[in-house]
Amino acid sequence: TCVVTFSGPMNIIPVGSDFYTVWMVKNTSGGDWSMTSVDYKFRSGTEMHQKSVYDFTQTINNGESGQIIVDMVAPSTPGNYSTTWAIVSGSTTLCILNATVTVK
């Protein structure tokens, strides 16, 4: 029910540093994602996040795009790390968001 048109960061993250993971997502669900009923939350992978659930800050209407931002901290060991998040409405998953970062 979505198309991820961008996922970042695209650069190498220094060990232990703060960074943001950003997804640009187009809503193709056929309905609006209301800021009062839709959240995005951590599902699996490396736990680099500051918070595991975020409220939507805007309504993303069907056919429109919005930006999802998660505040993270890089692990203390160099390597490649992956995290999976989901846009959810109650117990319904609307969209899966994947990101992989390189930490040096």
PDB file of N, CA and C in Angstrom:
ATOM      1  N   THR A   1       0.816  -1.205   0.000  1.00  0.00           N
ATOM      2  CA  THR A   1       0.000   0.000   0.000  1.00  0.00           C
ATOM      3  C   THR A   1       0.851   1.257   0.000  1.00  0.00           C
ATOM      4  N   CYS A   2       2.140   1.096  -0.328  1.00  0.00           N
ATOM      5  CA  CYS A   2       3.012   2.271  -0.386  1.00  0.00           C
ATOM      6  C   CYS A   2       4.150   2.009  -1.359  1.00  0.00           C
ATOM      7  N   VAL A   3       4.824   3.070  -1.722  1.00  0.00           N
ATOM      8  CA  VAL A   3       6.040   2.997  -2.514  1.00  0.00           C
ATOM      9  C   VAL A   3       7.087   3.831  -1.783  1.00  0.00           C
ATOM     10  N   VAL A   4       8.211   3.205  -1.424  1.00  0.00           N
ATOM     11  CA  VAL A   4       9.315   3.939  -0.796  1.00  0.00           C
ATOM     12  C   VAL A   4      10.172   4.495  -1.920  1.00  0.00           C
ATOM     13  N   THR A   5      10.222   5.835  -2.033  1.00  0.00           N
ATOM     14  CA  THR A   5      10.951   6.469  -3.129  1.00  0.00           C
ATOM     15  C   THR A   5      12.339   6.927  -2.721  1.00  0.00           C
ATOM     16  N   PHE A   6      12.624   6.937  -1.412  1.00  0.00           N
ATOM     17  CA  PHE A   6      13.958   7.301  -0.921  1.00  0.00           C
ATOM     18  C   PHE A   6      14.158   6.690   0.452  1.00  0.00           C
ATOM     19  N   SER A   7      15.375   6.213   0.705  1.00  0.00           N
ATOM     20  CA  SER A   7      15.761   5.716   2.017  1.00  0.00           C
ATOM     21  C   SER A   7      17.187   6.168   2.280  1.00  0.00           C
ATOM     22  N   GLY A   8      17.435   6.745   3.425  1.00  0.00           N
ATOM     23  CA  GLY A   8      18.783   7.226   3.739  1.00  0.00           C
ATOM     24  C   GLY A   8      19.051   7.130   5.213  1.00  0.00           C
ATOM     25  N   PRO A   9      20.244   7.273   5.668  1.00  0.00           N
ATOM     26  CA  PRO A   9      21.330   8.059   5.055  1.00  0.00           C
ATOM     27  C   PRO A   9      22.076   7.265   3.993  1.00  0.00           C
ATOM     28  N   MET A  10      22.681   7.994   3.088  1.00  0.00           N
ATOM     29  CA  MET A  10      23.434   7.379   2.004  1.00  0.00           C
ATOM     30  C   MET A  10      24.930   7.335   2.305  1.00  0.00           C
ATOM     31  N   ASN A  11      25.376   8.044   3.328  1.00  0.00           N
ATOM     32  CA  ASN A  11      26.795   8.131   3.633  1.00  0.00           C
ATOM     33  C   ASN A  11      27.166   7.195   4.791  1.00  0.00           C
ATOM     34  N   ILE A  12      28.456   7.057   5.039  1.00  0.00           N
ATOM     35  CA  ILE A  12      28.964   6.232   6.138  1.00  0.00           C
ATOM     36  C   ILE A  12      28.770   6.991   7.450  1.00  0.00           C
ATOM     37  N   ILE A  13      28.334   6.280   8.478  1.00  0.00           N
ATOM     38  CA  ILE A  13      28.043   6.876   9.775  1.00  0.00           C
ATOM     39  C   ILE A  13      29.208   6.579  10.728  1.00  0.00           C
ATOM     40  N   PRO A  14      29.753   7.584  11.409  1.00  0.00           N
ATOM     41  CA  PRO A  14      30.813   7.326  12.389  1.00  0.00           C
ATOM     42  C   PRO A  14      30.290   6.531  13.592  1.00  0.00           C
ATOM     43  N   VAL A  15      31.121   5.658  14.127  1.00  0.00           N
ATOM     44  CA  VAL A  15      30.780   4.842  15.296  1.00  0.00           C
ATOM     45  C   VAL A  15      30.224   5.725  16.412  1.00  0.00           C
ATOM     46  N   GLY A  16      29.081   5.327  16.986  1.00  0.00           N
ATOM     47  CA  GLY A  16      28.504   6.005  18.144  1.00  0.00           C
ATOM     48  C   GLY A  16      27.881   7.362  17.892  1.00  0.00           C
ATOM     49  N   SER A  17      27.767   7.788  16.647  1.00  0.00           N
ATOM     50  CA  SER A  17      27.246   9.135  16.366  1.00  0.00           C
ATOM     51  C   SER A  17      25.727   9.128  16.175  1.00  0.00           C
ATOM     52  N   ASP A  18      25.127  10.281  16.423  1.00  0.00           N
ATOM     53  CA  ASP A  18      23.700  10.478  16.169  1.00  0.00           C
ATOM     54  C   ASP A  18      23.485  10.678  14.668  1.00  0.00           C
ATOM     55  N   PHE A  19      22.396  10.132  14.157  1.00  0.00           N
ATOM     56  CA  PHE A  19      22.036  10.349  12.762  1.00  0.00           C
ATOM     57  C   PHE A  19      20.533  10.143  12.607  1.00  0.00           C
ATOM     58  N   TYR A  20      20.025  10.532  11.451  1.00  0.00           N
ATOM     59  CA  TYR A  20      18.614  10.333  11.131  1.00  0.00           C
ATOM     60  C   TYR A  20      18.494   9.338   9.991  1.00  0.00           C
ATOM     61  N   THR A  21      17.540   8.427  10.114  1.00  0.00           N
ATOM     62  CA  THR A  21      17.138   7.608   8.977  1.00  0.00           C
ATOM     63  C   THR A  21      15.871   8.248   8.418  1.00  0.00           C
ATOM     64  N   VAL A  22      15.853   8.422   7.111  1.00  0.00           N
ATOM     65  CA  VAL A  22      14.755   9.123   6.446  1.00  0.00           C
ATOM     66  C   VAL A  22      14.219   8.247   5.319  1.00  0.00           C
ATOM     67  N   TRP A  23      12.903   8.146   5.253  1.00  0.00           N
ATOM     68  CA  TRP A  23      12.240   7.481   4.139  1.00  0.00           C
ATOM     69  C   TRP A  23      11.270   8.480   3.520  1.00  0.00           C
ATOM     70  N   MET A  24      11.233   8.544   2.202  1.00  0.00           N
ATOM     71  CA  MET A  24      10.191   9.269   1.490  1.00  0.00           C
ATOM     72  C   MET A  24       9.228   8.198   0.989  1.00  0.00           C
ATOM     73  N   VAL A  25       7.957   8.320   1.387  1.00  0.00           N
ATOM     74  CA  VAL A  25       6.971   7.275   1.146  1.00  0.00           C
ATOM     75  C   VAL A  25       5.765   7.856   0.417  1.00  0.00           C
ATOM     76  N   LYS A  26       5.342   7.157  -0.642  1.00  0.00           N
ATOM     77  CA  LYS A  26       4.118   7.543  -1.350  1.00  0.00           C
ATOM     78  C   LYS A  26       2.998   6.618  -0.909  1.00  0.00           C
ATOM     79  N   ASN A  27       1.887   7.187  -0.480  1.00  0.00           N
ATOM     80  CA  ASN A  27       0.719   6.430  -0.044  1.00  0.00           C
ATOM     81  C   ASN A  27      -0.058   5.961  -1.274  1.00  0.00           C
ATOM     82  N   THR A  28      -0.090   4.651  -1.485  1.00  0.00           N
ATOM     83  CA  THR A  28      -0.846   4.064  -2.598  1.00  0.00           C
ATOM     84  C   THR A  28      -1.919   3.112  -2.070  1.00  0.00           C
ATOM     85  N   SER A  29      -2.384   3.356  -0.848  1.00  0.00           N
ATOM     86  CA  SER A  29      -3.294   2.438  -0.156  1.00  0.00           C
ATOM     87  C   SER A  29      -4.759   2.557  -0.586  1.00  0.00           C
ATOM     88  N   GLY A  30      -5.118   3.667  -1.216  1.00  0.00           N
ATOM     89  CA  GLY A  30      -6.516   3.898  -1.549  1.00  0.00           C
ATOM     90  C   GLY A  30      -7.251   4.704  -0.487  1.00  0.00           C
ATOM     91  N   GLY A  31      -6.585   4.952   0.639  1.00  0.00           N
ATOM     92  CA  GLY A  31      -7.158   5.765   1.718  1.00  0.00           C
ATOM     93  C   GLY A  31      -6.111   6.690   2.291  1.00  0.00           C
ATOM     94  N   ASP A  32      -6.538   7.641   3.074  1.00  0.00           N
ATOM     95  CA  ASP A  32      -5.617   8.599   3.681  1.00  0.00           C
ATOM     96  C   ASP A  32      -4.979   8.006   4.943  1.00  0.00           C
ATOM     97  N   TRP A  33      -3.733   8.388   5.218  1.00  0.00           N
ATOM     98  CA  TRP A  33      -3.049   8.036   6.455  1.00  0.00           C
ATOM     99  C   TRP A  33      -3.141   9.251   7.368  1.00  0.00           C
ATOM    100  N   SER A  34      -4.060   9.206   8.294  1.00  0.00           N
ATOM    101  CA  SER A  34      -4.330  10.341   9.162  1.00  0.00           C
ATOM    102  C   SER A  34      -3.302  10.444  10.283  1.00  0.00           C
ATOM    103  N   MET A  35      -2.890  11.661  10.573  1.00  0.00           N
ATOM    104  CA  MET A  35      -1.932  11.861  11.664  1.00  0.00           C
ATOM    105  C   MET A  35      -2.531  11.509  13.019  1.00  0.00           C
ATOM    106  N   THR A  36      -3.844  11.369  13.108  1.00  0.00           N
ATOM    107  CA  THR A  36      -4.474  11.007  14.385  1.00  0.00           C
ATOM    108  C   THR A  36      -4.622   9.502  14.565  1.00  0.00           C
ATOM    109  N   SER A  37      -4.388   8.715  13.493  1.00  0.00           N
ATOM    110  CA  SER A  37      -4.594   7.267  13.634  1.00  0.00           C
ATOM    111  C   SER A  37      -3.468   6.403  13.082  1.00  0.00           C
ATOM    112  N   VAL A  38      -2.424   7.017  12.545  1.00  0.00           N
ATOM    113  CA  VAL A  38      -1.327   6.256  11.943  1.00  0.00           C
ATOM    114  C   VAL A  38      -0.022   6.599  12.651  1.00  0.00           C
ATOM    115  N   ASP A  39       0.790   5.575  12.900  1.00  0.00           N
ATOM    116  CA  ASP A  39       2.100   5.722  13.539  1.00  0.00           C
ATOM    117  C   ASP A  39       3.137   4.984  12.701  1.00  0.00           C
ATOM    118  N   TYR A  40       4.409   5.158  13.060  1.00  0.00           N
ATOM    119  CA  TYR A  40       5.440   4.281  12.516  1.00  0.00           C
ATOM    120  C   TYR A  40       6.255   3.761  13.673  1.00  0.00           C
ATOM    121  N   LYS A  41       6.581   2.441  13.587  1.00  0.00           N
ATOM    122  CA  LYS A  41       7.217   1.797  14.725  1.00  0.00           C
ATOM    123  C   LYS A  41       8.255   0.769  14.297  1.00  0.00           C
ATOM    124  N   PHE A  42       9.208   0.561  15.206  1.00  0.00           N
ATOM    125  CA  PHE A  42      10.270  -0.416  15.005  1.00  0.00           C
ATOM    126  C   PHE A  42       9.684  -1.812  14.952  1.00  0.00           C
ATOM    127  N   ARG A  43      10.161  -2.633  14.010  1.00  0.00           N
ATOM    128  CA  ARG A  43       9.698  -4.013  13.872  1.00  0.00           C
ATOM    129  C   ARG A  43      10.800  -5.019  14.176  1.00  0.00           C
ATOM    130  N   SER A  44      11.991  -4.820  13.576  1.00  0.00           N
ATOM    131  CA  SER A  44      13.053  -5.806  13.758  1.00  0.00           C
ATOM    132  C   SER A  44      14.390  -5.233  13.302  1.00  0.00           C
ATOM    133  N   GLY A  45      15.439  -6.016  13.545  1.00  0.00           N
ATOM    134  CA  GLY A  45      16.780  -5.605  13.137  1.00  0.00           C
ATOM    135  C   GLY A  45      17.540  -4.981  14.288  1.00  0.00           C
ATOM    136  N   THR A  46      18.566  -4.242  13.946  1.00  0.00           N
ATOM    137  CA  THR A  46      19.404  -3.594  14.943  1.00  0.00           C
ATOM    138  C   THR A  46      18.650  -2.446  15.601  1.00  0.00           C
ATOM    139  N   GLU A  47      18.677  -2.416  16.916  1.00  0.00           N
ATOM    140  CA  GLU A  47      17.980  -1.366  17.674  1.00  0.00           C
ATOM    141  C   GLU A  47      18.890  -0.153  17.824  1.00  0.00           C
ATOM    142  N   MET A  48      18.810   0.749  16.852  1.00  0.00           N
ATOM    143  CA  MET A  48      19.616   1.970  16.849  1.00  0.00           C
ATOM    144  C   MET A  48      18.784   3.196  17.199  1.00  0.00           C
ATOM    145  N   HIS A  49      17.479   3.032  17.326  1.00  0.00           N
ATOM    146  CA  HIS A  49      16.551   4.144  17.478  1.00  0.00           C
ATOM    147  C   HIS A  49      16.572   4.737  18.890  1.00  0.00           C
ATOM    148  N   GLN A  50      16.157   6.007  18.960  1.00  0.00           N
ATOM    149  CA  GLN A  50      15.973   6.699  20.233  1.00  0.00           C
ATOM    150  C   GLN A  50      14.609   6.358  20.831  1.00  0.00           C
ATOM    151  N   LYS A  51      13.588   6.276  19.965  1.00  0.00           N
ATOM    152  CA  LYS A  51      12.219   5.907  20.346  1.00  0.00           C
ATOM    153  C   LYS A  51      11.767   4.794  19.419  1.00  0.00           C
ATOM    154  N   SER A  52      10.926   3.888  19.929  1.00  0.00           N
ATOM    155  CA  SER A  52      10.496   2.755  19.094  1.00  0.00           C
ATOM    156  C   SER A  52       9.165   3.006  18.380  1.00  0.00           C
ATOM    157  N   VAL A  53       8.465   4.084  18.738  1.00  0.00           N
ATOM    158  CA  VAL A  53       7.199   4.440  18.089  1.00  0.00           C
ATOM    159  C   VAL A  53       7.144   5.954  17.922  1.00  0.00           C
ATOM    160  N   TYR A  54       6.713   6.394  16.756  1.00  0.00           N
ATOM    161  CA  TYR A  54       6.540   7.813  16.471  1.00  0.00           C
ATOM    162  C   TYR A  54       5.125   8.056  15.961  1.00  0.00           C
ATOM    163  N   ASP A  55       4.526   9.161  16.362  1.00  0.00           N
ATOM    164  CA  ASP A  55       3.248   9.596  15.796  1.00  0.00           C
ATOM    165  C   ASP A  55       3.505  10.270  14.454  1.00  0.00           C
ATOM    166  N   PHE A  56       2.578  10.115  13.529  1.00  0.00           N
ATOM    167  CA  PHE A  56       2.646  10.872  12.287  1.00  0.00           C
ATOM    168  C   PHE A  56       2.524  12.355  12.623  1.00  0.00           C
ATOM    169  N   THR A  57       3.291  13.188  11.938  1.00  0.00           N
ATOM    170  CA  THR A  57       3.218  14.637  12.146  1.00  0.00           C
ATOM    171  C   THR A  57       2.380  15.319  11.070  1.00  0.00           C
ATOM    172  N   GLN A  58       1.926  14.528  10.101  1.00  0.00           N
ATOM    173  CA  GLN A  58       1.099  15.074   9.015  1.00  0.00           C
ATOM    174  C   GLN A  58       0.200  13.969   8.492  1.00  0.00           C
ATOM    175  N   THR A  59      -0.910  14.333   7.906  1.00  0.00           N
ATOM    176  CA  THR A  59      -1.749  13.372   7.195  1.00  0.00           C
ATOM    177  C   THR A  59      -1.177  13.222   5.794  1.00  0.00           C
ATOM    178  N   ILE A  60      -1.029  11.982   5.348  1.00  0.00           N
ATOM    179  CA  ILE A  60      -0.562  11.729   3.984  1.00  0.00           C
ATOM    180  C   ILE A  60      -1.754  11.155   3.213  1.00  0.00           C
ATOM    181  N   ASN A  61      -2.302  11.978   2.356  1.00  0.00           N
ATOM    182  CA  ASN A  61      -3.470  11.568   1.568  1.00  0.00           C
ATOM    183  C   ASN A  61      -3.085  10.535   0.520  1.00  0.00           C
ATOM    184  N   ASN A  62      -4.070   9.731   0.099  1.00  0.00           N
ATOM    185  CA  ASN A  62      -3.832   8.739  -0.934  1.00  0.00           C
ATOM    186  C   ASN A  62      -3.250   9.414  -2.173  1.00  0.00           C
ATOM    187  N   GLY A  63      -2.177   8.837  -2.705  1.00  0.00           N
ATOM    188  CA  GLY A  63      -1.531   9.388  -3.895  1.00  0.00           C
ATOM    189  C   GLY A  63      -0.461  10.423  -3.590  1.00  0.00           C
ATOM    190  N   GLU A  64      -0.356  10.852  -2.337  1.00  0.00           N
ATOM    191  CA  GLU A  64       0.635  11.856  -1.952  1.00  0.00           C
ATOM    192  C   GLU A  64       1.805  11.206  -1.222  1.00  0.00           C
ATOM    193  N   SER A  65       2.885  11.969  -1.094  1.00  0.00           N
ATOM    194  CA  SER A  65       4.088  11.480  -0.427  1.00  0.00           C
ATOM    195  C   SER A  65       4.350  12.253   0.852  1.00  0.00           C
ATOM    196  N   GLY A  66       5.059  11.599   1.755  1.00  0.00           N
ATOM    197  CA  GLY A  66       5.456  12.231   3.005  1.00  0.00           C
ATOM    198  C   GLY A  66       6.789  11.677   3.445  1.00  0.00           C
ATOM    199  N   GLN A  67       7.401  12.385   4.384  1.00  0.00           N
ATOM    200  CA  GLN A  67       8.719  12.018   4.882  1.00  0.00           C
ATOM    201  C   GLN A  67       8.605  11.411   6.274  1.00  0.00           C
ATOM    202  N   ILE A  68       9.267  10.275   6.485  1.00  0.00           N
ATOM    203  CA  ILE A  68       9.325   9.599   7.772  1.00  0.00           C
ATOM    204  C   ILE A  68      10.752   9.745   8.283  1.00  0.00           C
ATOM    205  N   ILE A  69      10.929  10.234   9.523  1.00  0.00           N
ATOM    206  CA  ILE A  69      12.261  10.477  10.079  1.00  0.00           C
ATOM    207  C   ILE A  69      12.364   9.791  11.434  1.00  0.00           C
ATOM    208  N   VAL A  70      13.464   9.040  11.627  1.00  0.00           N
ATOM    209  CA  VAL A  70      13.729   8.378  12.900  1.00  0.00           C
ATOM    210  C   VAL A  70      15.113   8.801  13.391  1.00  0.00           C
ATOM    211  N   ASP A  71      15.176   9.285  14.622  1.00  0.00           N
ATOM    212  CA  ASP A  71      16.431   9.680  15.265  1.00  0.00           C
ATOM    213  C   ASP A  71      17.139   8.421  15.767  1.00  0.00           C
ATOM    214  N   MET A  72      18.396   8.230  15.363  1.00  0.00           N
ATOM    215  CA  MET A  72      19.132   7.019  15.705  1.00  0.00           C
ATOM    216  C   MET A  72      20.532   7.328  16.212  1.00  0.00           C
ATOM    217  N   VAL A  73      21.158   6.305  16.819  1.00  0.00           N
ATOM    218  CA  VAL A  73      22.553   6.370  17.257  1.00  0.00           C
ATOM    219  C   VAL A  73      23.261   5.157  16.663  1.00  0.00           C
ATOM    220  N   ALA A  74      24.406   5.399  16.018  1.00  0.00           N
ATOM    221  CA  ALA A  74      25.169   4.314  15.398  1.00  0.00           C
ATOM    222  C   ALA A  74      25.746   3.383  16.460  1.00  0.00           C
ATOM    223  N   PRO A  75      25.799   2.088  16.170  1.00  0.00           N
ATOM    224  CA  PRO A  75      26.412   1.134  17.093  1.00  0.00           C
ATOM    225  C   PRO A  75      27.891   1.476  17.354  1.00  0.00           C
ATOM    226  N   SER A  76      28.437   0.905  18.408  1.00  0.00           N
ATOM    227  CA  SER A  76      29.818   1.198  18.805  1.00  0.00           C
ATOM    228  C   SER A  76      30.843   0.320  18.091  1.00  0.00           C
ATOM    229  N   THR A  77      30.379  -0.591  17.239  1.00  0.00           N
ATOM    230  CA  THR A  77      31.261  -1.471  16.481  1.00  0.00           C
ATOM    231  C   THR A  77      31.035  -1.247  14.989  1.00  0.00           C
ATOM    232  N   PRO A  78      32.117  -1.058  14.212  1.00  0.00           N
ATOM    233  CA  PRO A  78      31.948  -0.888  12.766  1.00  0.00           C
ATOM    234  C   PRO A  78      31.257  -2.094  12.129  1.00  0.00           C
ATOM    235  N   GLY A  79      30.522  -1.830  11.047  1.00  0.00           N
ATOM    236  CA  GLY A  79      29.858  -2.895  10.308  1.00  0.00           C
ATOM    237  C   GLY A  79      28.659  -2.373   9.559  1.00  0.00           C
ATOM    238  N   ASN A  80      27.929  -3.294   8.933  1.00  0.00           N
ATOM    239  CA  ASN A  80      26.676  -2.968   8.253  1.00  0.00           C
ATOM    240  C   ASN A  80      25.528  -3.396   9.149  1.00  0.00           C
ATOM    241  N   TYR A  81      24.565  -2.509   9.337  1.00  0.00           N
ATOM    242  CA  TYR A  81      23.437  -2.760  10.231  1.00  0.00           C
ATOM    243  C   TYR A  81      22.133  -2.459   9.507  1.00  0.00           C
ATOM    244  N   SER A  82      21.141  -3.309   9.730  1.00  0.00           N
ATOM    245  CA  SER A  82      19.830  -3.132   9.099  1.00  0.00           C
ATOM    246  C   SER A  82      18.750  -2.977  10.160  1.00  0.00           C
ATOM    247  N   THR A  83      17.730  -2.209   9.812  1.00  0.00           N
ATOM    248  CA  THR A  83      16.591  -1.998  10.687  1.00  0.00           C
ATOM    249  C   THR A  83      15.319  -1.997   9.847  1.00  0.00           C
ATOM    250  N   THR A  84      14.251  -2.519  10.419  1.00  0.00           N
ATOM    251  CA  THR A  84      12.961  -2.549   9.731  1.00  0.00           C
ATOM    252  C   THR A  84      11.922  -1.854  10.585  1.00  0.00           C
ATOM    253  N   TRP A  85      11.202  -0.940   9.965  1.00  0.00           N
ATOM    254  CA  TRP A  85      10.126  -0.189  10.595  1.00  0.00           C
ATOM    255  C   TRP A  85       8.852  -0.426   9.801  1.00  0.00           C
ATOM    256  N   ALA A  86       7.714  -0.057  10.372  1.00  0.00           N
ATOM    257  CA  ALA A  86       6.442  -0.206   9.670  1.00  0.00           C
ATOM    258  C   ALA A  86       5.554   0.994   9.953  1.00  0.00           C
ATOM    259  N   ILE A  87       4.817   1.409   8.930  1.00  0.00           N
ATOM    260  CA  ILE A  87       3.741   2.382   9.110  1.00  0.00           C
ATOM    261  C   ILE A  87       2.517   1.555   9.467  1.00  0.00           C
ATOM    262  N   VAL A  88       1.879   1.887  10.595  1.00  0.00           N
ATOM    263  CA  VAL A  88       0.773   1.070  11.097  1.00  0.00           C
ATOM    264  C   VAL A  88      -0.424   1.933  11.465  1.00  0.00           C
ATOM    265  N   SER A  89      -1.590   1.311  11.367  1.00  0.00           N
ATOM    266  CA  SER A  89      -2.828   1.884  11.870  1.00  0.00           C
ATOM    267  C   SER A  89      -3.435   0.824  12.780  1.00  0.00           C
ATOM    268  N   GLY A  90      -3.333   1.032  14.085  1.00  0.00           N
ATOM    269  CA  GLY A  90      -3.747   0.001  15.036  1.00  0.00           C
ATOM    270  C   GLY A  90      -2.872  -1.217  14.858  1.00  0.00           C
ATOM    271  N   SER A  91      -3.483  -2.373  14.588  1.00  0.00           N
ATOM    272  CA  SER A  91      -2.715  -3.603  14.381  1.00  0.00           C
ATOM    273  C   SER A  91      -2.495  -3.912  12.902  1.00  0.00           C
ATOM    274  N   THR A  92      -2.886  -2.986  12.003  1.00  0.00           N
ATOM    275  CA  THR A  92      -2.743  -3.189  10.561  1.00  0.00           C
ATOM    276  C   THR A  92      -1.469  -2.531  10.054  1.00  0.00           C
ATOM    277  N   THR A  93      -0.621  -3.305   9.396  1.00  0.00           N
ATOM    278  CA  THR A  93       0.600  -2.774   8.780  1.00  0.00           C
ATOM    279  C   THR A  93       0.264  -2.222   7.404  1.00  0.00           C
ATOM    280  N   LEU A  94       0.588  -0.949   7.190  1.00  0.00           N
ATOM    281  CA  LEU A  94       0.300  -0.277   5.927  1.00  0.00           C
ATOM    282  C   LEU A  94       1.502  -0.255   4.989  1.00  0.00           C
ATOM    283  N   CYS A  95       2.712  -0.294   5.565  1.00  0.00           N
ATOM    284  CA  CYS A  95       3.912  -0.133   4.755  1.00  0.00           C
ATOM    285  C   CYS A  95       5.126  -0.610   5.554  1.00  0.00           C
ATOM    286  N   ILE A  96       6.061  -1.282   4.902  1.00  0.00           N
ATOM    287  CA  ILE A  96       7.304  -1.724   5.533  1.00  0.00           C
ATOM    288  C   ILE A  96       8.429  -0.799   5.078  1.00  0.00           C
ATOM    289  N   LEU A  97       9.253  -0.357   6.033  1.00  0.00           N
ATOM    290  CA  LEU A  97      10.366   0.551   5.776  1.00  0.00           C
ATOM    291  C   LEU A  97      11.666  -0.130   6.196  1.00  0.00           C
ATOM    292  N   ASN A  98      12.552  -0.384   5.252  1.00  0.00           N
ATOM    293  CA  ASN A  98      13.844  -1.010   5.533  1.00  0.00           C
ATOM    294  C   ASN A  98      14.964  -0.011   5.317  1.00  0.00           C
ATOM    295  N   ALA A  99      16.021  -0.133   6.128  1.00  0.00           N
ATOM    296  CA  ALA A  99      17.203   0.709   5.956  1.00  0.00           C
ATOM    297  C   ALA A  99      18.428  -0.078   6.390  1.00  0.00           C
ATOM    298  N   THR A 100      19.523   0.128   5.672  1.00  0.00           N
ATOM    299  CA  THR A 100      20.804  -0.443   6.044  1.00  0.00           C
ATOM    300  C   THR A 100      21.813   0.689   6.077  1.00  0.00           C
ATOM    301  N   VAL A 101      22.625   0.721   7.149  1.00  0.00           N
ATOM    302  CA  VAL A 101      23.654   1.745   7.293  1.00  0.00           C
ATOM    303  C   VAL A 101      25.009   1.076   7.462  1.00  0.00           C
ATOM    304  N   THR A 102      26.039   1.776   6.995  1.00  0.00           N
ATOM    305  CA  THR A 102      27.418   1.342   7.190  1.00  0.00           C
ATOM    306  C   THR A 102      28.023   2.218   8.277  1.00  0.00           C
ATOM    307  N   VAL A 103      28.569   1.577   9.304  1.00  0.00           N
ATOM    308  CA  VAL A 103      29.160   2.283  10.437  1.00  0.00           C
ATOM    309  C   VAL A 103      30.656   2.034  10.417  1.00  0.00           C
ATOM    310  N   LYS A 104      31.441   3.124  10.495  1.00  0.00           N
ATOM    311  CA  LYS A 104      32.914   3.022  10.541  1.00  0.00           C
ATOM    312  C   LYS A 104      33.451   3.895  11.636  1.00  0.00           C
TER     313      LYS A 104
END
